[in-house]
């Protein structure tokens, strides 16, 4: 290391620091100790709760790429590529700095792209029961006169068993086809399909 320039040492420190922080963050993410605030892009941290707006199309791309994970990827690639170019060409500032900067910028955008794919794979798990209106299913447990039973119906691409009442207050037997006409609280109001 005796013939290393100050710039080579700078690239080495950037590469080592970025790599170490990147690997620590990645390990925490895989073992579940990292709550993934950066995964949601565009949100804010408030007292430990994340309030993100990942589902909104108007989120500025600048906020999505400037995450801790993105910055560690930048410094990791900037340092290692800058060091490699500097050591192989000897043109430290002229070629290594722009090359390292380009590699680091590419790493940031690659990280933002990967995180946006992860966000798309996440789902809230919330069931919007109002989306059942107009859907057809069948009676799973008899709907008695002036009472409730259970229907199986597809809501949000999942087969659900939901409490249901007849819209005309008449009984509907198990196995009969029904269509949801309204939702009252957590109970579906259904009509027979003829």
N, C-alpha and C. Protein backbone atom coordinates (compact mmCIF):
# COMPACT_ATOMS: atom_id res chain seq x y z
N UNK A 1 0.82 -1.19 0.00
CA UNK A 1 0.00 0.00 0.00
C UNK A 1 0.87 1.26 0.00
N UNK A 2 2.18 1.05 -0.04
CA UNK A 2 3.10 2.18 0.01
C UNK A 2 3.01 3.04 -1.24
N UNK A 3 2.70 2.44 -2.40
CA UNK A 3 2.64 3.23 -3.62
C UNK A 3 1.22 3.67 -3.97
N UNK A 4 0.33 3.63 -3.02
CA UNK A 4 -1.04 4.04 -3.25
C UNK A 4 -1.16 5.56 -3.06
N UNK A 5 -1.87 6.19 -3.95
CA UNK A 5 -2.07 7.63 -3.83
C UNK A 5 -3.18 7.92 -2.82
N UNK A 6 -3.33 9.17 -2.46
CA UNK A 6 -4.40 9.58 -1.54
C UNK A 6 -5.76 9.28 -2.17
N UNK A 7 -5.86 9.47 -3.49
CA UNK A 7 -7.12 9.19 -4.18
C UNK A 7 -7.45 7.70 -4.17
N UNK A 8 -6.42 6.84 -4.33
CA UNK A 8 -6.64 5.39 -4.25
C UNK A 8 -7.16 5.00 -2.86
N UNK A 9 -6.58 5.61 -1.82
CA UNK A 9 -7.03 5.32 -0.46
C UNK A 9 -8.46 5.81 -0.23
N UNK A 10 -8.79 6.96 -0.83
CA UNK A 10 -10.16 7.48 -0.74
C UNK A 10 -11.15 6.51 -1.38
N UNK A 11 -10.81 6.00 -2.58
CA UNK A 11 -11.68 5.02 -3.24
C UNK A 11 -11.81 3.75 -2.39
N UNK A 12 -10.71 3.30 -1.80
CA UNK A 12 -10.73 2.10 -0.96
C UNK A 12 -11.64 2.29 0.25
N UNK A 13 -11.54 3.44 0.91
CA UNK A 13 -12.38 3.72 2.08
C UNK A 13 -13.85 3.77 1.66
N UNK A 14 -14.15 4.42 0.54
CA UNK A 14 -15.53 4.48 0.04
C UNK A 14 -16.05 3.07 -0.26
N UNK A 15 -15.25 2.27 -0.93
CA UNK A 15 -15.67 0.92 -1.28
C UNK A 15 -15.89 0.04 -0.07
N UNK A 16 -14.95 0.08 0.89
CA UNK A 16 -15.08 -0.73 2.10
C UNK A 16 -16.26 -0.30 2.96
N UNK A 17 -16.40 1.01 3.16
CA UNK A 17 -17.50 1.52 3.98
C UNK A 17 -18.84 1.21 3.34
N UNK A 18 -18.96 1.49 2.06
CA UNK A 18 -20.21 1.20 1.35
C UNK A 18 -20.55 -0.28 1.37
N UNK A 19 -19.54 -1.13 1.16
CA UNK A 19 -19.77 -2.58 1.17
C UNK A 19 -20.21 -3.06 2.54
N UNK A 20 -19.52 -2.60 3.58
CA UNK A 20 -19.85 -3.02 4.94
C UNK A 20 -21.28 -2.61 5.31
N UNK A 21 -21.63 -1.34 5.07
CA UNK A 21 -22.98 -0.88 5.40
C UNK A 21 -24.04 -1.57 4.55
N UNK A 22 -23.74 -1.80 3.27
CA UNK A 22 -24.67 -2.49 2.38
C UNK A 22 -24.92 -3.91 2.87
N UNK A 23 -23.86 -4.63 3.24
CA UNK A 23 -24.01 -6.01 3.69
C UNK A 23 -24.72 -6.10 5.05
N UNK A 24 -24.43 -5.16 5.95
CA UNK A 24 -25.12 -5.14 7.24
C UNK A 24 -26.62 -4.92 7.02
N UNK A 25 -26.95 -3.92 6.21
CA UNK A 25 -28.36 -3.62 5.95
C UNK A 25 -29.06 -4.78 5.27
N UNK A 26 -28.39 -5.43 4.32
CA UNK A 26 -28.96 -6.58 3.63
C UNK A 26 -29.19 -7.74 4.59
N UNK A 27 -28.22 -7.99 5.49
CA UNK A 27 -28.37 -9.05 6.48
C UNK A 27 -29.54 -8.77 7.42
N UNK A 28 -29.66 -7.52 7.87
CA UNK A 28 -30.78 -7.15 8.74
C UNK A 28 -32.11 -7.32 8.03
N UNK A 29 -32.15 -7.00 6.76
CA UNK A 29 -33.37 -7.15 5.97
C UNK A 29 -33.76 -8.61 5.87
N UNK A 30 -32.78 -9.49 5.63
CA UNK A 30 -33.08 -10.91 5.47
C UNK A 30 -33.48 -11.59 6.77
N UNK A 31 -32.94 -11.14 7.90
CA UNK A 31 -33.31 -11.78 9.16
C UNK A 31 -34.51 -11.10 9.82
N UNK A 32 -35.01 -10.05 9.21
CA UNK A 32 -36.24 -9.43 9.67
C UNK A 32 -36.08 -8.35 10.71
N UNK A 33 -34.86 -7.91 10.99
CA UNK A 33 -34.67 -6.86 11.98
C UNK A 33 -34.76 -5.47 11.39
N UNK A 34 -34.72 -5.38 10.08
CA UNK A 34 -34.85 -4.10 9.41
C UNK A 34 -36.30 -3.96 8.99
N UNK A 35 -36.93 -2.86 9.35
CA UNK A 35 -38.35 -2.69 9.06
C UNK A 35 -38.62 -2.24 7.64
N UNK A 36 -37.59 -2.06 6.84
CA UNK A 36 -37.76 -1.80 5.42
C UNK A 36 -38.36 -0.46 5.08
N UNK A 37 -38.03 0.60 5.82
CA UNK A 37 -38.59 1.91 5.53
C UNK A 37 -38.26 2.33 4.11
N UNK A 38 -37.08 1.96 3.62
CA UNK A 38 -36.69 2.34 2.28
C UNK A 38 -37.49 1.58 1.22
N UNK A 39 -38.07 0.45 1.57
CA UNK A 39 -38.80 -0.33 0.57
C UNK A 39 -40.03 0.39 0.06
N UNK A 40 -40.55 1.28 0.86
CA UNK A 40 -41.79 1.93 0.48
C UNK A 40 -41.57 3.17 -0.34
N UNK A 41 -40.38 3.69 -0.37
CA UNK A 41 -40.04 4.86 -1.17
C UNK A 41 -41.06 5.97 -1.08
N UNK A 42 -40.61 7.17 -0.85
CA UNK A 42 -41.51 8.31 -0.89
C UNK A 42 -42.27 8.54 0.39
N UNK A 43 -42.03 7.82 1.43
CA UNK A 43 -42.76 8.01 2.67
C UNK A 43 -41.90 8.70 3.71
N UNK A 44 -42.47 8.90 4.86
CA UNK A 44 -41.77 9.56 5.95
C UNK A 44 -41.81 8.67 7.17
N UNK A 45 -40.78 8.78 8.00
CA UNK A 45 -40.76 8.10 9.28
C UNK A 45 -41.27 9.07 10.32
N UNK A 46 -42.28 8.65 11.10
CA UNK A 46 -42.82 9.49 12.16
C UNK A 46 -42.96 8.64 13.40
N UNK A 47 -42.07 8.80 14.36
CA UNK A 47 -42.18 8.12 15.64
C UNK A 47 -42.20 6.60 15.53
N UNK A 48 -41.50 6.04 14.58
CA UNK A 48 -41.42 4.60 14.48
C UNK A 48 -42.45 4.00 13.53
N UNK A 49 -43.45 4.75 13.12
CA UNK A 49 -44.44 4.24 12.18
C UNK A 49 -44.13 4.79 10.81
N UNK A 50 -44.20 3.94 9.82
CA UNK A 50 -43.92 4.38 8.47
C UNK A 50 -45.21 4.76 7.77
N UNK A 51 -45.24 5.93 7.19
CA UNK A 51 -46.41 6.38 6.44
C UNK A 51 -45.96 6.61 5.01
N UNK A 52 -45.97 5.58 4.21
CA UNK A 52 -45.48 5.66 2.84
C UNK A 52 -46.59 5.91 1.86
N UNK A 53 -46.20 6.31 0.65
CA UNK A 53 -47.17 6.48 -0.41
C UNK A 53 -46.69 5.76 -1.65
N UNK A 54 -46.27 4.51 -1.47
CA UNK A 54 -45.70 3.73 -2.56
C UNK A 54 -46.71 3.46 -3.65
N UNK A 55 -47.99 3.47 -3.32
CA UNK A 55 -49.00 3.18 -4.31
C UNK A 55 -49.39 4.37 -5.17
N UNK A 56 -48.83 5.55 -4.88
CA UNK A 56 -49.20 6.74 -5.61
C UNK A 56 -48.24 7.00 -6.76
N UNK A 57 -48.79 7.25 -7.93
CA UNK A 57 -47.97 7.43 -9.12
C UNK A 57 -47.24 8.76 -9.13
N UNK A 58 -47.67 9.74 -8.30
CA UNK A 58 -47.06 11.05 -8.36
C UNK A 58 -45.84 11.19 -7.44
N UNK A 59 -45.39 10.13 -6.82
CA UNK A 59 -44.22 10.18 -5.96
C UNK A 59 -43.00 10.51 -6.80
N UNK A 60 -42.22 11.49 -6.33
CA UNK A 60 -41.05 11.94 -7.06
C UNK A 60 -39.96 10.87 -7.04
N UNK A 61 -39.39 10.55 -8.19
CA UNK A 61 -38.35 9.52 -8.31
C UNK A 61 -37.12 9.89 -7.49
N UNK A 62 -36.86 11.17 -7.27
CA UNK A 62 -35.71 11.60 -6.48
C UNK A 62 -35.76 11.08 -5.06
N UNK A 63 -36.95 11.00 -4.47
CA UNK A 63 -37.07 10.49 -3.12
C UNK A 63 -36.95 8.98 -3.07
N UNK A 64 -37.23 8.31 -4.17
CA UNK A 64 -37.13 6.86 -4.19
C UNK A 64 -35.69 6.39 -4.31
N UNK A 65 -34.84 7.15 -4.99
CA UNK A 65 -33.46 6.70 -5.18
C UNK A 65 -32.54 7.13 -4.04
N UNK A 66 -32.90 8.16 -3.30
CA UNK A 66 -32.05 8.64 -2.23
C UNK A 66 -32.43 7.99 -0.90
N UNK A 67 -32.20 6.69 -0.82
CA UNK A 67 -32.44 5.93 0.39
C UNK A 67 -31.10 5.51 0.97
N UNK A 68 -31.11 5.05 2.19
CA UNK A 68 -29.87 4.59 2.82
C UNK A 68 -29.27 3.44 2.02
N UNK A 69 -30.11 2.50 1.60
CA UNK A 69 -29.63 1.35 0.82
C UNK A 69 -29.04 1.83 -0.51
N UNK A 70 -29.70 2.80 -1.15
CA UNK A 70 -29.20 3.33 -2.42
C UNK A 70 -27.87 4.05 -2.26
N UNK A 71 -27.74 4.81 -1.18
CA UNK A 71 -26.49 5.55 -0.96
C UNK A 71 -25.33 4.61 -0.62
N UNK A 72 -25.61 3.55 0.14
CA UNK A 72 -24.54 2.60 0.42
C UNK A 72 -24.12 1.87 -0.85
N UNK A 73 -25.09 1.57 -1.71
CA UNK A 73 -24.76 0.93 -3.00
C UNK A 73 -23.92 1.90 -3.85
N UNK A 74 -24.26 3.19 -3.82
CA UNK A 74 -23.50 4.18 -4.57
C UNK A 74 -22.04 4.19 -4.12
N UNK A 75 -21.81 4.34 -2.80
CA UNK A 75 -20.44 4.43 -2.30
C UNK A 75 -19.67 3.13 -2.52
N UNK A 76 -20.35 2.00 -2.41
CA UNK A 76 -19.69 0.73 -2.65
C UNK A 76 -19.18 0.66 -4.10
N UNK A 77 -20.06 0.93 -5.06
CA UNK A 77 -19.66 0.85 -6.46
C UNK A 77 -18.71 1.97 -6.86
N UNK A 78 -18.96 3.18 -6.35
CA UNK A 78 -18.07 4.31 -6.64
C UNK A 78 -16.65 3.98 -6.18
N UNK A 79 -16.53 3.45 -4.96
CA UNK A 79 -15.21 3.15 -4.42
C UNK A 79 -14.50 2.05 -5.17
N UNK A 80 -15.16 0.92 -5.39
CA UNK A 80 -14.49 -0.22 -6.03
C UNK A 80 -14.18 0.03 -7.50
N UNK A 81 -15.12 0.62 -8.24
CA UNK A 81 -14.86 0.90 -9.66
C UNK A 81 -13.82 2.01 -9.79
N UNK A 82 -13.92 3.05 -8.96
CA UNK A 82 -12.92 4.11 -8.98
C UNK A 82 -11.53 3.58 -8.68
N UNK A 83 -11.43 2.71 -7.68
CA UNK A 83 -10.14 2.12 -7.32
C UNK A 83 -9.60 1.24 -8.46
N UNK A 84 -10.46 0.45 -9.05
CA UNK A 84 -10.01 -0.42 -10.14
C UNK A 84 -9.50 0.39 -11.32
N UNK A 85 -10.22 1.44 -11.69
CA UNK A 85 -9.79 2.27 -12.83
C UNK A 85 -8.51 3.01 -12.49
N UNK A 86 -8.45 3.56 -11.28
CA UNK A 86 -7.26 4.32 -10.87
C UNK A 86 -6.02 3.44 -10.84
N UNK A 87 -6.14 2.23 -10.28
CA UNK A 87 -4.98 1.34 -10.16
C UNK A 87 -4.56 0.77 -11.52
N UNK A 88 -5.54 0.58 -12.43
CA UNK A 88 -5.18 -0.04 -13.72
C UNK A 88 -4.71 0.99 -14.75
N UNK A 89 -5.17 2.23 -14.64
CA UNK A 89 -4.81 3.23 -15.65
C UNK A 89 -3.84 4.27 -15.13
N UNK A 90 -3.87 4.53 -13.83
CA UNK A 90 -3.02 5.58 -13.28
C UNK A 90 -3.61 6.97 -13.49
N UNK A 91 -4.77 7.08 -14.10
CA UNK A 91 -5.44 8.37 -14.33
C UNK A 91 -6.51 8.57 -13.27
N UNK A 92 -6.08 8.72 -12.02
CA UNK A 92 -6.98 8.76 -10.87
C UNK A 92 -8.14 9.71 -10.99
N UNK A 93 -7.88 10.99 -11.17
CA UNK A 93 -8.94 11.96 -11.15
C UNK A 93 -9.61 12.11 -12.51
N UNK A 94 -8.86 11.94 -13.59
CA UNK A 94 -9.40 12.16 -14.92
C UNK A 94 -10.38 11.08 -15.36
N UNK A 95 -10.09 9.82 -15.09
CA UNK A 95 -10.93 8.73 -15.57
C UNK A 95 -11.61 7.97 -14.43
N UNK A 96 -10.92 7.81 -13.32
CA UNK A 96 -11.47 7.01 -12.22
C UNK A 96 -12.66 7.68 -11.55
N UNK A 97 -12.59 8.98 -11.33
CA UNK A 97 -13.69 9.67 -10.67
C UNK A 97 -14.97 9.61 -11.50
N UNK A 98 -14.94 9.97 -12.80
CA UNK A 98 -16.18 9.85 -13.60
C UNK A 98 -16.65 8.40 -13.73
N UNK A 99 -15.71 7.46 -13.86
CA UNK A 99 -16.10 6.05 -13.95
C UNK A 99 -16.74 5.55 -12.68
N UNK A 100 -16.17 5.91 -11.55
CA UNK A 100 -16.74 5.52 -10.26
C UNK A 100 -18.09 6.17 -10.02
N UNK A 101 -18.20 7.44 -10.41
CA UNK A 101 -19.47 8.15 -10.25
C UNK A 101 -20.56 7.52 -11.12
N UNK A 102 -20.21 7.15 -12.35
CA UNK A 102 -21.18 6.50 -13.24
C UNK A 102 -21.60 5.15 -12.68
N UNK A 103 -20.65 4.37 -12.17
CA UNK A 103 -20.98 3.06 -11.59
C UNK A 103 -21.85 3.23 -10.34
N UNK A 104 -21.53 4.20 -9.50
CA UNK A 104 -22.33 4.45 -8.30
C UNK A 104 -23.73 4.91 -8.64
N UNK A 105 -23.86 5.78 -9.64
CA UNK A 105 -25.18 6.24 -10.07
C UNK A 105 -26.00 5.08 -10.63
N UNK A 106 -25.34 4.23 -11.40
CA UNK A 106 -26.03 3.04 -11.92
C UNK A 106 -26.50 2.14 -10.79
N UNK A 107 -25.70 2.01 -9.75
CA UNK A 107 -26.06 1.17 -8.60
C UNK A 107 -27.28 1.74 -7.88
N UNK A 108 -27.33 3.07 -7.75
CA UNK A 108 -28.49 3.70 -7.11
C UNK A 108 -29.76 3.40 -7.90
N UNK A 109 -29.71 3.59 -9.20
CA UNK A 109 -30.92 3.35 -10.00
C UNK A 109 -31.27 1.88 -10.06
N UNK A 110 -30.29 1.00 -10.05
CA UNK A 110 -30.56 -0.43 -10.01
C UNK A 110 -31.21 -0.80 -8.67
N UNK A 111 -30.73 -0.22 -7.58
CA UNK A 111 -31.32 -0.46 -6.26
C UNK A 111 -32.75 0.07 -6.20
N UNK A 112 -33.00 1.26 -6.75
CA UNK A 112 -34.35 1.82 -6.76
C UNK A 112 -35.29 0.93 -7.56
N UNK A 113 -34.81 0.42 -8.69
CA UNK A 113 -35.63 -0.48 -9.52
C UNK A 113 -35.95 -1.76 -8.75
N UNK A 114 -34.95 -2.35 -8.09
CA UNK A 114 -35.17 -3.58 -7.34
C UNK A 114 -36.14 -3.35 -6.18
N UNK A 115 -36.00 -2.23 -5.48
CA UNK A 115 -36.90 -1.94 -4.37
C UNK A 115 -38.32 -1.68 -4.86
N UNK A 116 -38.46 -1.04 -6.04
CA UNK A 116 -39.81 -0.81 -6.56
C UNK A 116 -40.47 -2.13 -6.93
N UNK A 117 -39.69 -3.11 -7.40
CA UNK A 117 -40.25 -4.44 -7.66
C UNK A 117 -40.69 -5.11 -6.37
N UNK A 118 -39.92 -4.91 -5.30
CA UNK A 118 -40.30 -5.48 -4.01
C UNK A 118 -41.60 -4.85 -3.49
N UNK A 119 -41.75 -3.56 -3.68
CA UNK A 119 -42.95 -2.87 -3.24
C UNK A 119 -44.16 -3.41 -4.00
N UNK A 120 -44.00 -3.66 -5.29
CA UNK A 120 -45.12 -4.18 -6.08
C UNK A 120 -45.53 -5.56 -5.63
N UNK A 121 -44.59 -6.33 -5.05
CA UNK A 121 -44.92 -7.68 -4.59
C UNK A 121 -45.62 -7.67 -3.24
N UNK A 122 -45.56 -6.56 -2.53
CA UNK A 122 -46.21 -6.47 -1.24
C UNK A 122 -47.70 -6.22 -1.43
N UNK A 123 -48.50 -6.69 -0.49
CA UNK A 123 -49.92 -6.37 -0.50
C UNK A 123 -50.32 -5.96 0.91
N UNK A 124 -51.34 -5.17 0.99
CA UNK A 124 -51.75 -4.66 2.29
C UNK A 124 -52.48 -5.71 3.11
N UNK A 125 -53.09 -6.68 2.46
CA UNK A 125 -53.85 -7.70 3.18
C UNK A 125 -55.22 -7.22 3.60
N UNK A 126 -55.57 -6.01 3.26
CA UNK A 126 -56.88 -5.48 3.61
C UNK A 126 -57.92 -5.96 2.62
N UNK A 127 -59.06 -6.35 3.12
CA UNK A 127 -60.17 -6.79 2.29
C UNK A 127 -61.16 -5.65 2.16
N UNK A 128 -61.42 -5.23 0.92
CA UNK A 128 -62.42 -4.21 0.66
C UNK A 128 -63.71 -4.93 0.32
N UNK A 129 -64.57 -5.11 1.32
CA UNK A 129 -65.78 -5.90 1.17
C UNK A 129 -66.74 -5.30 0.14
N UNK A 130 -66.64 -4.00 -0.09
CA UNK A 130 -67.52 -3.35 -1.07
C UNK A 130 -67.27 -3.84 -2.50
N UNK A 131 -66.08 -4.41 -2.72
CA UNK A 131 -65.77 -4.95 -4.05
C UNK A 131 -66.53 -6.24 -4.33
N UNK A 132 -67.26 -6.75 -3.35
CA UNK A 132 -68.05 -7.96 -3.54
C UNK A 132 -69.35 -7.68 -4.29
N UNK A 133 -69.79 -6.42 -4.28
CA UNK A 133 -71.06 -6.08 -4.95
C UNK A 133 -70.96 -6.41 -6.43
N UNK A 134 -71.95 -7.17 -6.92
CA UNK A 134 -71.98 -7.59 -8.32
C UNK A 134 -71.34 -8.95 -8.56
N UNK A 135 -70.60 -9.47 -7.58
CA UNK A 135 -69.95 -10.77 -7.71
C UNK A 135 -70.95 -11.89 -7.46
N UNK A 136 -70.70 -13.03 -8.12
CA UNK A 136 -71.55 -14.20 -7.92
C UNK A 136 -70.80 -15.26 -7.13
N UNK A 137 -71.57 -16.04 -6.36
CA UNK A 137 -71.02 -17.13 -5.59
C UNK A 137 -72.10 -18.14 -5.31
N UNK A 138 -71.92 -18.92 -4.28
CA UNK A 138 -72.96 -19.88 -3.91
C UNK A 138 -73.12 -19.91 -2.39
N UNK A 139 -74.31 -20.36 -1.97
CA UNK A 139 -74.61 -20.43 -0.54
C UNK A 139 -73.87 -21.62 0.05
N UNK A 140 -73.11 -21.37 1.10
CA UNK A 140 -72.33 -22.40 1.77
C UNK A 140 -73.13 -22.98 2.94
N UNK A 141 -73.77 -22.12 3.72
CA UNK A 141 -74.68 -22.53 4.80
C UNK A 141 -76.01 -21.84 4.56
N UNK A 142 -77.10 -22.58 4.67
CA UNK A 142 -78.44 -22.05 4.40
C UNK A 142 -78.63 -20.63 4.94
N UNK A 143 -79.29 -19.82 4.13
CA UNK A 143 -79.71 -18.49 4.59
C UNK A 143 -81.18 -18.63 4.97
N UNK A 144 -81.48 -18.60 6.28
CA UNK A 144 -82.88 -18.79 6.69
C UNK A 144 -83.73 -17.55 6.44
N UNK A 145 -85.02 -17.72 6.54
CA UNK A 145 -85.96 -16.60 6.40
C UNK A 145 -85.67 -15.59 7.50
N UNK A 146 -85.48 -14.35 7.13
CA UNK A 146 -85.17 -13.25 8.06
C UNK A 146 -83.94 -13.52 8.92
N UNK A 147 -82.99 -14.30 8.40
CA UNK A 147 -81.77 -14.59 9.16
C UNK A 147 -80.55 -14.54 8.26
N UNK A 148 -79.41 -14.91 8.82
CA UNK A 148 -78.18 -14.88 8.03
C UNK A 148 -77.60 -16.27 7.89
N UNK A 149 -76.90 -16.46 6.78
CA UNK A 149 -76.18 -17.69 6.50
C UNK A 149 -74.79 -17.34 6.03
N UNK A 150 -74.16 -18.26 5.30
CA UNK A 150 -72.80 -18.03 4.81
C UNK A 150 -72.76 -18.32 3.32
N UNK A 151 -72.08 -17.43 2.56
CA UNK A 151 -71.87 -17.65 1.13
C UNK A 151 -70.37 -17.72 0.85
N UNK A 152 -70.01 -18.44 -0.21
CA UNK A 152 -68.63 -18.43 -0.71
C UNK A 152 -68.63 -17.54 -1.94
N UNK A 153 -67.73 -16.57 -1.94
CA UNK A 153 -67.70 -15.58 -3.02
C UNK A 153 -66.26 -15.16 -3.29
N UNK A 154 -65.95 -14.86 -4.53
CA UNK A 154 -64.62 -14.36 -4.89
C UNK A 154 -64.54 -12.86 -4.70
N UNK A 155 -63.64 -12.44 -3.82
CA UNK A 155 -63.40 -11.01 -3.58
C UNK A 155 -61.91 -10.78 -3.69
N UNK A 156 -61.51 -9.84 -4.55
CA UNK A 156 -60.10 -9.48 -4.72
C UNK A 156 -59.25 -10.72 -5.01
N UNK A 157 -59.71 -11.55 -5.93
CA UNK A 157 -59.01 -12.75 -6.39
C UNK A 157 -58.82 -13.81 -5.32
N UNK A 158 -59.65 -13.80 -4.28
CA UNK A 158 -59.59 -14.81 -3.23
C UNK A 158 -61.00 -15.29 -2.93
N UNK A 159 -61.15 -16.60 -2.72
CA UNK A 159 -62.44 -17.16 -2.34
C UNK A 159 -62.63 -16.95 -0.85
N UNK A 160 -63.72 -16.28 -0.50
CA UNK A 160 -64.00 -15.94 0.90
C UNK A 160 -65.34 -16.53 1.32
N UNK A 161 -65.46 -16.84 2.58
CA UNK A 161 -66.73 -17.23 3.17
C UNK A 161 -67.20 -16.05 4.01
N UNK A 162 -68.36 -15.53 3.65
CA UNK A 162 -68.87 -14.32 4.31
C UNK A 162 -70.30 -14.54 4.78
N UNK A 163 -70.67 -13.86 5.88
CA UNK A 163 -72.04 -13.87 6.33
C UNK A 163 -72.90 -13.16 5.29
N UNK A 164 -74.13 -13.67 5.11
CA UNK A 164 -75.00 -13.09 4.09
C UNK A 164 -76.46 -13.20 4.51
N UNK A 165 -77.25 -12.25 4.02
CA UNK A 165 -78.70 -12.27 4.20
C UNK A 165 -79.35 -12.15 2.84
N UNK A 166 -80.57 -12.61 2.75
CA UNK A 166 -81.32 -12.53 1.50
C UNK A 166 -81.95 -11.14 1.37
N UNK A 167 -81.89 -10.56 0.19
CA UNK A 167 -82.46 -9.22 -0.01
C UNK A 167 -83.98 -9.21 0.14
N UNK A 168 -84.63 -10.32 -0.20
CA UNK A 168 -86.09 -10.38 -0.09
C UNK A 168 -86.54 -11.10 1.19
N UNK A 169 -85.61 -11.36 2.10
CA UNK A 169 -85.85 -11.99 3.40
C UNK A 169 -86.41 -13.41 3.29
N UNK A 170 -86.29 -14.03 2.11
CA UNK A 170 -86.75 -15.41 1.92
C UNK A 170 -85.55 -16.35 2.02
N UNK A 171 -85.77 -17.60 2.42
CA UNK A 171 -84.65 -18.53 2.59
C UNK A 171 -83.99 -18.91 1.26
N UNK A 172 -82.68 -19.14 1.33
CA UNK A 172 -81.92 -19.62 0.17
C UNK A 172 -81.14 -20.84 0.66
N UNK A 173 -81.25 -21.95 -0.07
CA UNK A 173 -80.65 -23.21 0.36
C UNK A 173 -79.18 -23.32 -0.03
N UNK A 174 -78.47 -24.18 0.68
CA UNK A 174 -77.07 -24.47 0.40
C UNK A 174 -76.90 -24.92 -1.05
N UNK A 175 -75.89 -24.37 -1.71
CA UNK A 175 -75.58 -24.74 -3.09
C UNK A 175 -76.19 -23.83 -4.14
N UNK A 176 -77.19 -23.03 -3.79
CA UNK A 176 -77.82 -22.14 -4.77
C UNK A 176 -76.88 -20.99 -5.13
N UNK A 177 -76.93 -20.58 -6.40
CA UNK A 177 -76.12 -19.46 -6.89
C UNK A 177 -76.74 -18.15 -6.43
N UNK A 178 -75.89 -17.22 -6.00
CA UNK A 178 -76.35 -15.90 -5.55
C UNK A 178 -75.45 -14.81 -6.12
N UNK A 179 -75.99 -13.59 -6.15
CA UNK A 179 -75.24 -12.41 -6.57
C UNK A 179 -75.35 -11.38 -5.46
N UNK A 180 -74.24 -10.74 -5.12
CA UNK A 180 -74.22 -9.72 -4.07
C UNK A 180 -74.80 -8.42 -4.64
N UNK A 181 -75.82 -7.89 -3.94
CA UNK A 181 -76.45 -6.64 -4.39
C UNK A 181 -76.12 -5.46 -3.50
N UNK A 182 -75.67 -5.73 -2.27
CA UNK A 182 -75.32 -4.64 -1.34
C UNK A 182 -74.46 -5.21 -0.22
N UNK A 183 -73.88 -4.30 0.54
CA UNK A 183 -73.10 -4.67 1.72
C UNK A 183 -73.60 -3.83 2.89
N UNK A 184 -73.92 -4.51 3.99
CA UNK A 184 -74.37 -3.82 5.21
C UNK A 184 -73.41 -4.18 6.33
N UNK A 185 -72.49 -3.30 6.62
CA UNK A 185 -71.44 -3.59 7.61
C UNK A 185 -70.52 -4.66 7.06
N UNK A 186 -70.47 -5.83 7.71
CA UNK A 186 -69.68 -6.95 7.23
C UNK A 186 -70.54 -8.07 6.70
N UNK A 187 -71.79 -7.77 6.41
CA UNK A 187 -72.75 -8.77 5.92
C UNK A 187 -73.12 -8.45 4.47
N UNK A 188 -73.09 -9.49 3.64
CA UNK A 188 -73.47 -9.31 2.23
C UNK A 188 -74.97 -9.49 2.08
N UNK A 189 -75.58 -8.67 1.25
CA UNK A 189 -76.99 -8.81 0.89
C UNK A 189 -77.00 -9.43 -0.50
N UNK A 190 -77.69 -10.61 -0.63
CA UNK A 190 -77.62 -11.37 -1.87
C UNK A 190 -78.99 -11.64 -2.46
N UNK A 191 -79.02 -11.84 -3.77
CA UNK A 191 -80.20 -12.28 -4.52
C UNK A 191 -79.87 -13.61 -5.16
N UNK A 192 -80.91 -14.44 -5.38
CA UNK A 192 -80.74 -15.67 -6.13
C UNK A 192 -80.39 -15.33 -7.58
N UNK A 193 -79.54 -16.16 -8.18
CA UNK A 193 -79.26 -16.05 -9.62
C UNK A 193 -80.09 -17.12 -10.30
N UNK A 194 -80.96 -16.67 -11.21
CA UNK A 194 -81.83 -17.64 -11.92
C UNK A 194 -81.36 -17.88 -13.33
